[in-house]
């Protein structure tokens, strides 16, 4: 569950601007503020089922955006390459090794 929450928070960070205001608010309350479905339902005067359905649809939309745009995937790969480059520089890697990592970094875009 923690992995899913972390993934949804990251996807929300990347794709929040593509969501409606209502979708964004529900996701923010549920994932960022740790509200329960009941608390969100009470806040908006709707049923828990309506909140649940909206959150599930929004999760699916975020996953669909990621499958098409791959912003999170590219971010994770970019972060990994930067960490490898830092380690390579600290361990006195050859310029060719560092250039190879830079090439990989450039190919992500």
PDB file of N, CA and C in Angstrom:
ATOM      1  N   UNK A   1       0.830  -1.199   0.000  1.00  0.00           N
ATOM      2  CA  UNK A   1       0.000   0.000   0.000  1.00  0.00           C
ATOM      3  C   UNK A   1       0.871   1.258   0.000  1.00  0.00           C
ATOM      4  N   UNK A   2       1.971   1.220   0.725  1.00  0.00           N
ATOM      5  CA  UNK A   2       2.858   2.385   0.782  1.00  0.00           C
ATOM      6  C   UNK A   2       3.445   2.689  -0.587  1.00  0.00           C
ATOM      7  N   UNK A   3       3.810   1.636  -1.334  1.00  0.00           N
ATOM      8  CA  UNK A   3       4.346   1.833  -2.687  1.00  0.00           C
ATOM      9  C   UNK A   3       3.308   2.475  -3.593  1.00  0.00           C
ATOM     10  N   UNK A   4       2.061   2.019  -3.472  1.00  0.00           N
ATOM     11  CA  UNK A   4       1.006   2.595  -4.308  1.00  0.00           C
ATOM     12  C   UNK A   4       0.796   4.069  -3.955  1.00  0.00           C
ATOM     13  N   UNK A   5       0.805   4.369  -2.666  1.00  0.00           N
ATOM     14  CA  UNK A   5       0.626   5.751  -2.235  1.00  0.00           C
ATOM     15  C   UNK A   5       1.757   6.628  -2.766  1.00  0.00           C
ATOM     16  N   UNK A   6       2.978   6.136  -2.667  1.00  0.00           N
ATOM     17  CA  UNK A   6       4.120   6.894  -3.181  1.00  0.00           C
ATOM     18  C   UNK A   6       3.993   7.099  -4.690  1.00  0.00           C
ATOM     19  N   UNK A   7       3.628   6.042  -5.407  1.00  0.00           N
ATOM     20  CA  UNK A   7       3.473   6.153  -6.862  1.00  0.00           C
ATOM     21  C   UNK A   7       2.379   7.156  -7.219  1.00  0.00           C
ATOM     22  N   UNK A   8       1.242   7.080  -6.546  1.00  0.00           N
ATOM     23  CA  UNK A   8       0.142   8.004  -6.840  1.00  0.00           C
ATOM     24  C   UNK A   8       0.548   9.441  -6.532  1.00  0.00           C
ATOM     25  N   UNK A   9       1.289   9.645  -5.453  1.00  0.00           N
ATOM     26  CA  UNK A   9       1.756  10.997  -5.135  1.00  0.00           C
ATOM     27  C   UNK A   9       2.675  11.523  -6.223  1.00  0.00           C
ATOM     28  N   UNK A  10       3.561  10.673  -6.715  1.00  0.00           N
ATOM     29  CA  UNK A  10       4.465  11.097  -7.793  1.00  0.00           C
ATOM     30  C   UNK A  10       3.698  11.368  -9.086  1.00  0.00           C
ATOM     31  N   UNK A  11       2.799  10.460  -9.441  1.00  0.00           N
ATOM     32  CA  UNK A  11       1.994  10.673 -10.650  1.00  0.00           C
ATOM     33  C   UNK A  11       1.166  11.954 -10.513  1.00  0.00           C
ATOM     34  N   UNK A  12       0.618  12.167  -9.328  1.00  0.00           N
ATOM     35  CA  UNK A  12      -0.169  13.376  -9.079  1.00  0.00           C
ATOM     36  C   UNK A  12       0.702  14.618  -9.258  1.00  0.00           C
ATOM     37  N   UNK A  13       1.921  14.580  -8.775  1.00  0.00           N
ATOM     38  CA  UNK A  13       2.837  15.711  -8.950  1.00  0.00           C
ATOM     39  C   UNK A  13       3.063  16.027 -10.425  1.00  0.00           C
ATOM     40  N   UNK A  14       3.241  14.992 -11.222  1.00  0.00           N
ATOM     41  CA  UNK A  14       3.540  15.198 -12.638  1.00  0.00           C
ATOM     42  C   UNK A  14       2.310  15.580 -13.466  1.00  0.00           C
ATOM     43  N   UNK A  15       1.158  15.017 -13.147  1.00  0.00           N
ATOM     44  CA  UNK A  15      -0.008  15.168 -14.023  1.00  0.00           C
ATOM     45  C   UNK A  15      -1.176  15.933 -13.403  1.00  0.00           C
ATOM     46  N   UNK A  16      -0.974  16.546 -12.268  1.00  0.00           N
ATOM     47  CA  UNK A  16      -2.046  17.260 -11.581  1.00  0.00           C
ATOM     48  C   UNK A  16      -2.725  18.295 -12.475  1.00  0.00           C
ATOM     49  N   UNK A  17      -1.967  18.969 -13.278  1.00  0.00           N
ATOM     50  CA  UNK A  17      -2.540  20.025 -14.116  1.00  0.00           C
ATOM     51  C   UNK A  17      -3.488  19.477 -15.191  1.00  0.00           C
ATOM     52  N   UNK A  18      -3.460  18.168 -15.429  1.00  0.00           N
ATOM     53  CA  UNK A  18      -4.352  17.561 -16.418  1.00  0.00           C
ATOM     54  C   UNK A  18      -5.686  17.113 -15.812  1.00  0.00           C
ATOM     55  N   UNK A  19      -5.804  17.238 -14.505  1.00  0.00           N
ATOM     56  CA  UNK A  19      -7.016  16.795 -13.811  1.00  0.00           C
ATOM     57  C   UNK A  19      -7.985  17.955 -13.637  1.00  0.00           C
ATOM     58  N   UNK A  20      -9.248  17.610 -13.434  1.00  0.00           N
ATOM     59  CA  UNK A  20     -10.230  18.639 -13.100  1.00  0.00           C
ATOM     60  C   UNK A  20      -9.972  19.113 -11.674  1.00  0.00           C
ATOM     61  N   UNK A  21     -10.563  20.213 -11.322  1.00  0.00           N
ATOM     62  CA  UNK A  21     -10.393  20.755  -9.975  1.00  0.00           C
ATOM     63  C   UNK A  21     -10.905  19.760  -8.926  1.00  0.00           C
ATOM     64  N   UNK A  22     -12.034  19.133  -9.205  1.00  0.00           N
ATOM     65  CA  UNK A  22     -12.613  18.163  -8.268  1.00  0.00           C
ATOM     66  C   UNK A  22     -11.711  16.938  -8.125  1.00  0.00           C
ATOM     67  N   UNK A  23     -11.225  16.408  -9.236  1.00  0.00           N
ATOM     68  CA  UNK A  23     -10.328  15.260  -9.183  1.00  0.00           C
ATOM     69  C   UNK A  23      -9.067  15.599  -8.393  1.00  0.00           C
ATOM     70  N   UNK A  24      -8.541  16.763  -8.662  1.00  0.00           N
ATOM     71  CA  UNK A  24      -7.334  17.204  -7.983  1.00  0.00           C
ATOM     72  C   UNK A  24      -7.561  17.337  -6.479  1.00  0.00           C
ATOM     73  N   UNK A  25      -8.680  17.891  -6.102  1.00  0.00           N
ATOM     74  CA  UNK A  25      -8.995  18.081  -4.677  1.00  0.00           C
ATOM     75  C   UNK A  25      -9.161  16.736  -3.979  1.00  0.00           C
ATOM     76  N   UNK A  26      -9.900  15.798  -4.577  1.00  0.00           N
ATOM     77  CA  UNK A  26     -10.096  14.474  -3.976  1.00  0.00           C
ATOM     78  C   UNK A  26      -8.759  13.764  -3.799  1.00  0.00           C
ATOM     79  N   UNK A  27      -7.931  13.794  -4.837  1.00  0.00           N
ATOM     80  CA  UNK A  27      -6.630  13.107  -4.773  1.00  0.00           C
ATOM     81  C   UNK A  27      -5.731  13.757  -3.724  1.00  0.00           C
ATOM     82  N   UNK A  28      -5.760  15.053  -3.660  1.00  0.00           N
ATOM     83  CA  UNK A  28      -4.950  15.768  -2.687  1.00  0.00           C
ATOM     84  C   UNK A  28      -5.374  15.416  -1.259  1.00  0.00           C
ATOM     85  N   UNK A  29      -6.666  15.442  -1.011  1.00  0.00           N
ATOM     86  CA  UNK A  29      -7.157  15.097   0.326  1.00  0.00           C
ATOM     87  C   UNK A  29      -6.857  13.643   0.677  1.00  0.00           C
ATOM     88  N   UNK A  30      -7.062  12.759  -0.270  1.00  0.00           N
ATOM     89  CA  UNK A  30      -6.906  11.323   0.003  1.00  0.00           C
ATOM     90  C   UNK A  30      -5.432  10.925   0.142  1.00  0.00           C
ATOM     91  N   UNK A  31      -4.611  11.331  -0.800  1.00  0.00           N
ATOM     92  CA  UNK A  31      -3.221  10.875  -0.811  1.00  0.00           C
ATOM     93  C   UNK A  31      -2.250  11.800  -0.072  1.00  0.00           C
ATOM     94  N   UNK A  32      -2.458  13.091  -0.156  1.00  0.00           N
ATOM     95  CA  UNK A  32      -1.512  14.007   0.473  1.00  0.00           C
ATOM     96  C   UNK A  32      -1.887  14.331   1.924  1.00  0.00           C
ATOM     97  N   UNK A  33      -3.174  14.528   2.167  1.00  0.00           N
ATOM     98  CA  UNK A  33      -3.625  14.906   3.504  1.00  0.00           C
ATOM     99  C   UNK A  33      -4.113  13.718   4.322  1.00  0.00           C
ATOM    100  N   UNK A  34      -4.144  12.529   3.718  1.00  0.00           N
ATOM    101  CA  UNK A  34      -4.513  11.273   4.399  1.00  0.00           C
ATOM    102  C   UNK A  34      -5.936  11.300   4.958  1.00  0.00           C
ATOM    103  N   UNK A  35      -6.844  11.941   4.225  1.00  0.00           N
ATOM    104  CA  UNK A  35      -8.254  11.911   4.615  1.00  0.00           C
ATOM    105  C   UNK A  35      -8.827  10.544   4.263  1.00  0.00           C
ATOM    106  N   UNK A  36      -9.801  10.100   5.029  1.00  0.00           N
ATOM    107  CA  UNK A  36     -10.505   8.862   4.699  1.00  0.00           C
ATOM    108  C   UNK A  36     -11.571   9.180   3.656  1.00  0.00           C
ATOM    109  N   UNK A  37     -12.110   8.123   3.053  1.00  0.00           N
ATOM    110  CA  UNK A  37     -13.195   8.326   2.089  1.00  0.00           C
ATOM    111  C   UNK A  37     -14.381   9.010   2.761  1.00  0.00           C
ATOM    112  N   UNK A  38     -14.664   8.601   3.993  1.00  0.00           N
ATOM    113  CA  UNK A  38     -15.777   9.189   4.737  1.00  0.00           C
ATOM    114  C   UNK A  38     -15.576  10.670   5.006  1.00  0.00           C
ATOM    115  N   UNK A  39     -14.356  11.051   5.344  1.00  0.00           N
ATOM    116  CA  UNK A  39     -14.068  12.465   5.606  1.00  0.00           C
ATOM    117  C   UNK A  39     -14.216  13.306   4.341  1.00  0.00           C
ATOM    118  N   UNK A  40     -13.760  12.765   3.223  1.00  0.00           N
ATOM    119  CA  UNK A  40     -13.904  13.493   1.952  1.00  0.00           C
ATOM    120  C   UNK A  40     -15.372  13.589   1.571  1.00  0.00           C
ATOM    121  N   UNK A  41     -16.103  12.486   1.739  1.00  0.00           N
ATOM    122  CA  UNK A  41     -17.534  12.472   1.419  1.00  0.00           C
ATOM    123  C   UNK A  41     -18.277  13.511   2.250  1.00  0.00           C
ATOM    124  N   UNK A  42     -17.941  13.595   3.520  1.00  0.00           N
ATOM    125  CA  UNK A  42     -18.582  14.568   4.401  1.00  0.00           C
ATOM    126  C   UNK A  42     -18.247  16.002   3.974  1.00  0.00           C
ATOM    127  N   UNK A  43     -16.995  16.207   3.603  1.00  0.00           N
ATOM    128  CA  UNK A  43     -16.533  17.534   3.172  1.00  0.00           C
ATOM    129  C   UNK A  43     -17.310  18.035   1.953  1.00  0.00           C
ATOM    130  N   UNK A  44     -17.632  17.118   1.029  1.00  0.00           N
ATOM    131  CA  UNK A  44     -18.294  17.503  -0.213  1.00  0.00           C
ATOM    132  C   UNK A  44     -19.776  17.125  -0.252  1.00  0.00           C
ATOM    133  N   UNK A  45     -20.261  16.593   0.846  1.00  0.00           N
ATOM    134  CA  UNK A  45     -21.662  16.194   0.971  1.00  0.00           C
ATOM    135  C   UNK A  45     -22.093  15.236  -0.144  1.00  0.00           C
ATOM    136  N   UNK A  46     -21.275  14.187  -0.324  1.00  0.00           N
ATOM    137  CA  UNK A  46     -21.586  13.121  -1.281  1.00  0.00           C
ATOM    138  C   UNK A  46     -21.341  11.778  -0.593  1.00  0.00           C
ATOM    139  N   UNK A  47     -21.636  10.697  -1.285  1.00  0.00           N
ATOM    140  CA  UNK A  47     -21.454   9.373  -0.676  1.00  0.00           C
ATOM    141  C   UNK A  47     -19.994   8.932  -0.723  1.00  0.00           C
ATOM    142  N   UNK A  48     -19.647   8.024   0.175  1.00  0.00           N
ATOM    143  CA  UNK A  48     -18.296   7.451   0.178  1.00  0.00           C
ATOM    144  C   UNK A  48     -18.038   6.736  -1.147  1.00  0.00           C
ATOM    145  N   UNK A  49     -19.076   6.091  -1.676  1.00  0.00           N
ATOM    146  CA  UNK A  49     -18.940   5.365  -2.939  1.00  0.00           C
ATOM    147  C   UNK A  49     -18.597   6.311  -4.081  1.00  0.00           C
ATOM    148  N   UNK A  50     -19.200   7.487  -4.087  1.00  0.00           N
ATOM    149  CA  UNK A  50     -18.911   8.476  -5.132  1.00  0.00           C
ATOM    150  C   UNK A  50     -17.455   8.931  -5.038  1.00  0.00           C
ATOM    151  N   UNK A  51     -16.967   9.139  -3.825  1.00  0.00           N
ATOM    152  CA  UNK A  51     -15.569   9.523  -3.634  1.00  0.00           C
ATOM    153  C   UNK A  51     -14.654   8.397  -4.106  1.00  0.00           C
ATOM    154  N   UNK A  52     -14.967   7.176  -3.681  1.00  0.00           N
ATOM    155  CA  UNK A  52     -14.165   6.006  -4.060  1.00  0.00           C
ATOM    156  C   UNK A  52     -14.103   5.865  -5.582  1.00  0.00           C
ATOM    157  N   UNK A  53     -15.248   5.954  -6.232  1.00  0.00           N
ATOM    158  CA  UNK A  53     -15.309   5.820  -7.689  1.00  0.00           C
ATOM    159  C   UNK A  53     -14.485   6.908  -8.379  1.00  0.00           C
ATOM    160  N   UNK A  54     -14.598   8.127  -7.890  1.00  0.00           N
ATOM    161  CA  UNK A  54     -13.853   9.234  -8.482  1.00  0.00           C
ATOM    162  C   UNK A  54     -12.351   9.031  -8.309  1.00  0.00           C
ATOM    163  N   UNK A  55     -11.929   8.609  -7.135  1.00  0.00           N
ATOM    164  CA  UNK A  55     -10.504   8.387  -6.885  1.00  0.00           C
ATOM    165  C   UNK A  55      -9.985   7.247  -7.767  1.00  0.00           C
ATOM    166  N   UNK A  56     -10.734   6.166  -7.886  1.00  0.00           N
ATOM    167  CA  UNK A  56     -10.299   5.035  -8.722  1.00  0.00           C
ATOM    168  C   UNK A  56     -10.201   5.446 -10.193  1.00  0.00           C
ATOM    169  N   UNK A  57     -11.168   6.212 -10.673  1.00  0.00           N
ATOM    170  CA  UNK A  57     -11.120   6.691 -12.058  1.00  0.00           C
ATOM    171  C   UNK A  57      -9.914   7.611 -12.266  1.00  0.00           C
ATOM    172  N   UNK A  58      -9.659   8.463 -11.293  1.00  0.00           N
ATOM    173  CA  UNK A  58      -8.531   9.391 -11.393  1.00  0.00           C
ATOM    174  C   UNK A  58      -7.205   8.636 -11.355  1.00  0.00           C
ATOM    175  N   UNK A  59      -7.102   7.625 -10.505  1.00  0.00           N
ATOM    176  CA  UNK A  59      -5.895   6.790 -10.474  1.00  0.00           C
ATOM    177  C   UNK A  59      -5.652   6.154 -11.841  1.00  0.00           C
ATOM    178  N   UNK A  60      -6.710   5.641 -12.435  1.00  0.00           N
ATOM    179  CA  UNK A  60      -6.592   5.022 -13.761  1.00  0.00           C
ATOM    180  C   UNK A  60      -6.161   6.058 -14.800  1.00  0.00           C
ATOM    181  N   UNK A  61      -6.689   7.260 -14.701  1.00  0.00           N
ATOM    182  CA  UNK A  61      -6.302   8.320 -15.631  1.00  0.00           C
ATOM    183  C   UNK A  61      -4.824   8.665 -15.474  1.00  0.00           C
ATOM    184  N   UNK A  62      -4.369   8.770 -14.228  1.00  0.00           N
ATOM    185  CA  UNK A  62      -2.962   9.081 -13.985  1.00  0.00           C
ATOM    186  C   UNK A  62      -2.052   7.994 -14.563  1.00  0.00           C
ATOM    187  N   UNK A  63      -2.442   6.749 -14.389  1.00  0.00           N
ATOM    188  CA  UNK A  63      -1.664   5.638 -14.950  1.00  0.00           C
ATOM    189  C   UNK A  63      -1.672   5.685 -16.477  1.00  0.00           C
ATOM    190  N   UNK A  64      -2.799   6.063 -17.050  1.00  0.00           N
ATOM    191  CA  UNK A  64      -2.901   6.186 -18.510  1.00  0.00           C
ATOM    192  C   UNK A  64      -2.014   7.321 -19.020  1.00  0.00           C
ATOM    193  N   UNK A  65      -2.031   8.447 -18.330  1.00  0.00           N
ATOM    194  CA  UNK A  65      -1.146   9.557 -18.708  1.00  0.00           C
ATOM    195  C   UNK A  65       0.306   9.102 -18.669  1.00  0.00           C
ATOM    196  N   UNK A  66       0.667   8.364 -17.616  1.00  0.00           N
ATOM    197  CA  UNK A  66       2.047   7.900 -17.482  1.00  0.00           C
ATOM    198  C   UNK A  66       2.405   6.913 -18.596  1.00  0.00           C
ATOM    199  N   UNK A  67       1.469   6.046 -18.951  1.00  0.00           N
ATOM    200  CA  UNK A  67       1.767   5.070 -20.010  1.00  0.00           C
ATOM    201  C   UNK A  67       2.010   5.758 -21.354  1.00  0.00           C
ATOM    202  N   UNK A  68       1.410   6.925 -21.541  1.00  0.00           N
ATOM    203  CA  UNK A  68       1.581   7.643 -22.804  1.00  0.00           C
ATOM    204  C   UNK A  68       2.723   8.659 -22.756  1.00  0.00           C
ATOM    205  N   UNK A  69       2.840   9.388 -21.666  1.00  0.00           N
ATOM    206  CA  UNK A  69       3.818  10.473 -21.585  1.00  0.00           C
ATOM    207  C   UNK A  69       5.129  10.079 -20.911  1.00  0.00           C
ATOM    208  N   UNK A  70       5.072   9.121 -20.017  1.00  0.00           N
ATOM    209  CA  UNK A  70       6.255   8.559 -19.342  1.00  0.00           C
ATOM    210  C   UNK A  70       7.098   9.601 -18.595  1.00  0.00           C
ATOM    211  N   UNK A  71       6.463  10.609 -18.035  1.00  0.00           N
ATOM    212  CA  UNK A  71       7.201  11.635 -17.308  1.00  0.00           C
ATOM    213  C   UNK A  71       7.850  11.079 -16.037  1.00  0.00           C
ATOM    214  N   UNK A  72       7.109  10.263 -15.296  1.00  0.00           N
ATOM    215  CA  UNK A  72       7.654   9.681 -14.070  1.00  0.00           C
ATOM    216  C   UNK A  72       8.786   8.714 -14.388  1.00  0.00           C
ATOM    217  N   UNK A  73       8.600   7.890 -15.377  1.00  0.00           N
ATOM    218  CA  UNK A  73       9.631   6.928 -15.769  1.00  0.00           C
ATOM    219  C   UNK A  73      10.918   7.635 -16.176  1.00  0.00           C
ATOM    220  N   UNK A  74      10.794   8.666 -16.974  1.00  0.00           N
ATOM    221  CA  UNK A  74      11.970   9.434 -17.401  1.00  0.00           C
ATOM    222  C   UNK A  74      12.632  10.129 -16.220  1.00  0.00           C
ATOM    223  N   UNK A  75      11.833  10.641 -15.307  1.00  0.00           N
ATOM    224  CA  UNK A  75      12.376  11.289 -14.114  1.00  0.00           C
ATOM    225  C   UNK A  75      13.185  10.294 -13.284  1.00  0.00           C
ATOM    226  N   UNK A  76      12.632   9.099 -13.093  1.00  0.00           N
ATOM    227  CA  UNK A  76      13.334   8.077 -12.305  1.00  0.00           C
ATOM    228  C   UNK A  76      14.633   7.650 -12.981  1.00  0.00           C
ATOM    229  N   UNK A  77      14.600   7.462 -14.290  1.00  0.00           N
ATOM    230  CA  UNK A  77      15.814   7.087 -15.022  1.00  0.00           C
ATOM    231  C   UNK A  77      16.845   8.214 -14.966  1.00  0.00           C
ATOM    232  N   UNK A  78      16.372   9.441 -15.121  1.00  0.00           N
ATOM    233  CA  UNK A  78      17.264  10.600 -15.071  1.00  0.00           C
ATOM    234  C   UNK A  78      17.922  10.705 -13.691  1.00  0.00           C
ATOM    235  N   UNK A  79      17.151  10.520 -12.640  1.00  0.00           N
ATOM    236  CA  UNK A  79      17.686  10.575 -11.278  1.00  0.00           C
ATOM    237  C   UNK A  79      18.720   9.481 -11.047  1.00  0.00           C
ATOM    238  N   UNK A  80      18.442   8.295 -11.567  1.00  0.00           N
ATOM    239  CA  UNK A  80      19.379   7.178 -11.439  1.00  0.00           C
ATOM    240  C   UNK A  80      20.686   7.472 -12.176  1.00  0.00           C
ATOM    241  N   UNK A  81      20.583   7.999 -13.380  1.00  0.00           N
ATOM    242  CA  UNK A  81      21.785   8.333 -14.151  1.00  0.00           C
ATOM    243  C   UNK A  81      22.605   9.433 -13.477  1.00  0.00           C
ATOM    244  N   UNK A  82      21.955  10.417 -12.919  1.00  0.00           N
ATOM    245  CA  UNK A  82      22.670  11.490 -12.228  1.00  0.00           C
ATOM    246  C   UNK A  82      23.414  10.926 -11.016  1.00  0.00           C
ATOM    247  N   UNK A  83      22.770  10.034 -10.271  1.00  0.00           N
ATOM    248  CA  UNK A  83      23.435   9.407  -9.124  1.00  0.00           C
ATOM    249  C   UNK A  83      24.637   8.578  -9.578  1.00  0.00           C
ATOM    250  N   UNK A  84      24.478   7.852 -10.688  1.00  0.00           N
ATOM    251  CA  UNK A  84      25.596   7.067 -11.227  1.00  0.00           C
ATOM    252  C   UNK A  84      26.738   7.981 -11.671  1.00  0.00           C
ATOM    253  N   UNK A  85      26.382   9.107 -12.259  1.00  0.00           N
ATOM    254  CA  UNK A  85      27.410  10.045 -12.709  1.00  0.00           C
ATOM    255  C   UNK A  85      28.174  10.632 -11.521  1.00  0.00           C
ATOM    256  N   UNK A  86      27.456  10.984 -10.464  1.00  0.00           N
ATOM    257  CA  UNK A  86      28.117  11.508  -9.270  1.00  0.00           C
ATOM    258  C   UNK A  86      29.084  10.476  -8.696  1.00  0.00           C
ATOM    259  N   UNK A  87      28.615   9.231  -8.635  1.00  0.00           N
ATOM    260  CA  UNK A  87      29.463   8.148  -8.116  1.00  0.00           C
ATOM    261  C   UNK A  87      30.674   7.944  -9.029  1.00  0.00           C
ATOM    262  N   UNK A  88      30.457   7.997 -10.334  1.00  0.00           N
ATOM    263  CA  UNK A  88      31.551   7.812 -11.287  1.00  0.00           C
ATOM    264  C   UNK A  88      32.592   8.919 -11.143  1.00  0.00           C
ATOM    265  N   UNK A  89      32.136  10.138 -10.966  1.00  0.00           N
ATOM    266  CA  UNK A  89      33.067  11.262 -10.805  1.00  0.00           C
ATOM    267  C   UNK A  89      33.867  11.113  -9.510  1.00  0.00           C
ATOM    268  N   UNK A  90      33.169  10.709  -8.431  1.00  0.00           N
ATOM    269  CA  UNK A  90      33.859  10.524  -7.154  1.00  0.00           C
ATOM    270  C   UNK A  90      34.884   9.395  -7.208  1.00  0.00           C
ATOM    271  N   UNK A  91      34.631   8.398  -8.054  1.00  0.00           N
ATOM    272  CA  UNK A  91      35.555   7.260  -8.151  1.00  0.00           C
ATOM    273  C   UNK A  91      36.541   7.433  -9.314  1.00  0.00           C
ATOM    274  N   UNK A  92      36.642   8.672  -9.805  1.00  0.00           N
ATOM    275  CA  UNK A  92      37.589   9.004 -10.879  1.00  0.00           C
ATOM    276  C   UNK A  92      37.397   8.148 -12.133  1.00  0.00           C
ATOM    277  N   UNK A  93      36.161   8.088 -12.594  1.00  0.00           N
ATOM    278  CA  UNK A  93      35.860   7.351 -13.828  1.00  0.00           C
ATOM    279  C   UNK A  93      36.510   8.057 -15.015  1.00  0.00           C
ATOM    280  N   UNK A  94      36.673   7.323 -16.070  1.00  0.00           N
ATOM    281  CA  UNK A  94      37.284   7.903 -17.270  1.00  0.00           C
ATOM    282  C   UNK A  94      36.303   8.862 -17.942  1.00  0.00           C
ATOM    283  N   UNK A  95      36.822   9.808 -18.680  1.00  0.00           N
ATOM    284  CA  UNK A  95      35.939  10.734 -19.404  1.00  0.00           C
ATOM    285  C   UNK A  95      34.987   9.989 -20.348  1.00  0.00           C
ATOM    286  N   UNK A  96      35.438   8.890 -20.913  1.00  0.00           N
ATOM    287  CA  UNK A  96      34.590   8.114 -21.822  1.00  0.00           C
ATOM    288  C   UNK A  96      33.386   7.532 -21.080  1.00  0.00           C
ATOM    289  N   UNK A  97      33.609   7.040 -19.865  1.00  0.00           N
ATOM    290  CA  UNK A  97      32.509   6.480 -19.072  1.00  0.00           C
ATOM    291  C   UNK A  97      31.495   7.569 -18.722  1.00  0.00           C
ATOM    292  N   UNK A  98      31.987   8.713 -18.353  1.00  0.00           N
ATOM    293  CA  UNK A  98      31.102   9.827 -18.007  1.00  0.00           C
ATOM    294  C   UNK A  98      30.350  10.304 -19.244  1.00  0.00           C
ATOM    295  N   UNK A  99      31.034  10.383 -20.376  1.00  0.00           N
ATOM    296  CA  UNK A  99      30.368  10.786 -21.622  1.00  0.00           C
ATOM    297  C   UNK A  99      29.285   9.784 -22.018  1.00  0.00           C
ATOM    298  N   UNK A 100      29.542   8.524 -21.789  1.00  0.00           N
ATOM    299  CA  UNK A 100      28.546   7.487 -22.078  1.00  0.00           C
ATOM    300  C   UNK A 100      27.282   7.712 -21.243  1.00  0.00           C
ATOM    301  N   UNK A 101      27.479   8.048 -19.978  1.00  0.00           N
ATOM    302  CA  UNK A 101      26.330   8.330 -19.107  1.00  0.00           C
ATOM    303  C   UNK A 101      25.612   9.593 -19.560  1.00  0.00           C
ATOM    304  N   UNK A 102      26.356  10.598 -19.973  1.00  0.00           N
ATOM    305  CA  UNK A 102      25.742  11.824 -20.489  1.00  0.00           C
ATOM    306  C   UNK A 102      24.919  11.543 -21.745  1.00  0.00           C
ATOM    307  N   UNK A 103      25.447  10.710 -22.613  1.00  0.00           N
ATOM    308  CA  UNK A 103      24.702  10.323 -23.819  1.00  0.00           C
ATOM    309  C   UNK A 103      23.385   9.652 -23.447  1.00  0.00           C
ATOM    310  N   UNK A 104      23.447   8.741 -22.467  1.00  0.00           N
ATOM    311  CA  UNK A 104      22.233   8.066 -22.009  1.00  0.00           C
ATOM    312  C   UNK A 104      21.234   9.074 -21.456  1.00  0.00           C
ATOM    313  N   UNK A 105      21.735  10.054 -20.735  1.00  0.00           N
ATOM    314  CA  UNK A 105      20.887  11.086 -20.159  1.00  0.00           C
ATOM    315  C   UNK A 105      20.200  11.911 -21.260  1.00  0.00           C
ATOM    316  N   UNK A 106      20.947  12.255 -22.284  1.00  0.00           N
ATOM    317  CA  UNK A 106      20.388  13.037 -23.384  1.00  0.00           C
ATOM    318  C   UNK A 106      19.333  12.262 -24.160  1.00  0.00           C
ATOM    319  N   UNK A 107      19.478  10.964 -24.267  1.00  0.00           N
ATOM    320  CA  UNK A 107      18.550  10.137 -25.028  1.00  0.00           C
ATOM    321  C   UNK A 107      17.198   9.983 -24.346  1.00  0.00           C
ATOM    322  N   UNK A 108      17.100  10.341 -23.081  1.00  0.00           N
ATOM    323  CA  UNK A 108      15.824  10.224 -22.368  1.00  0.00           C
ATOM    324  C   UNK A 108      14.783  11.204 -22.891  1.00  0.00           C
ATOM    325  N   UNK A 109      15.210  12.304 -23.448  1.00  0.00           N
ATOM    326  CA  UNK A 109      14.254  13.317 -23.904  1.00  0.00           C
ATOM    327  C   UNK A 109      13.790  13.126 -25.301  1.00  0.00           C
TER     328      UNK A 109
END
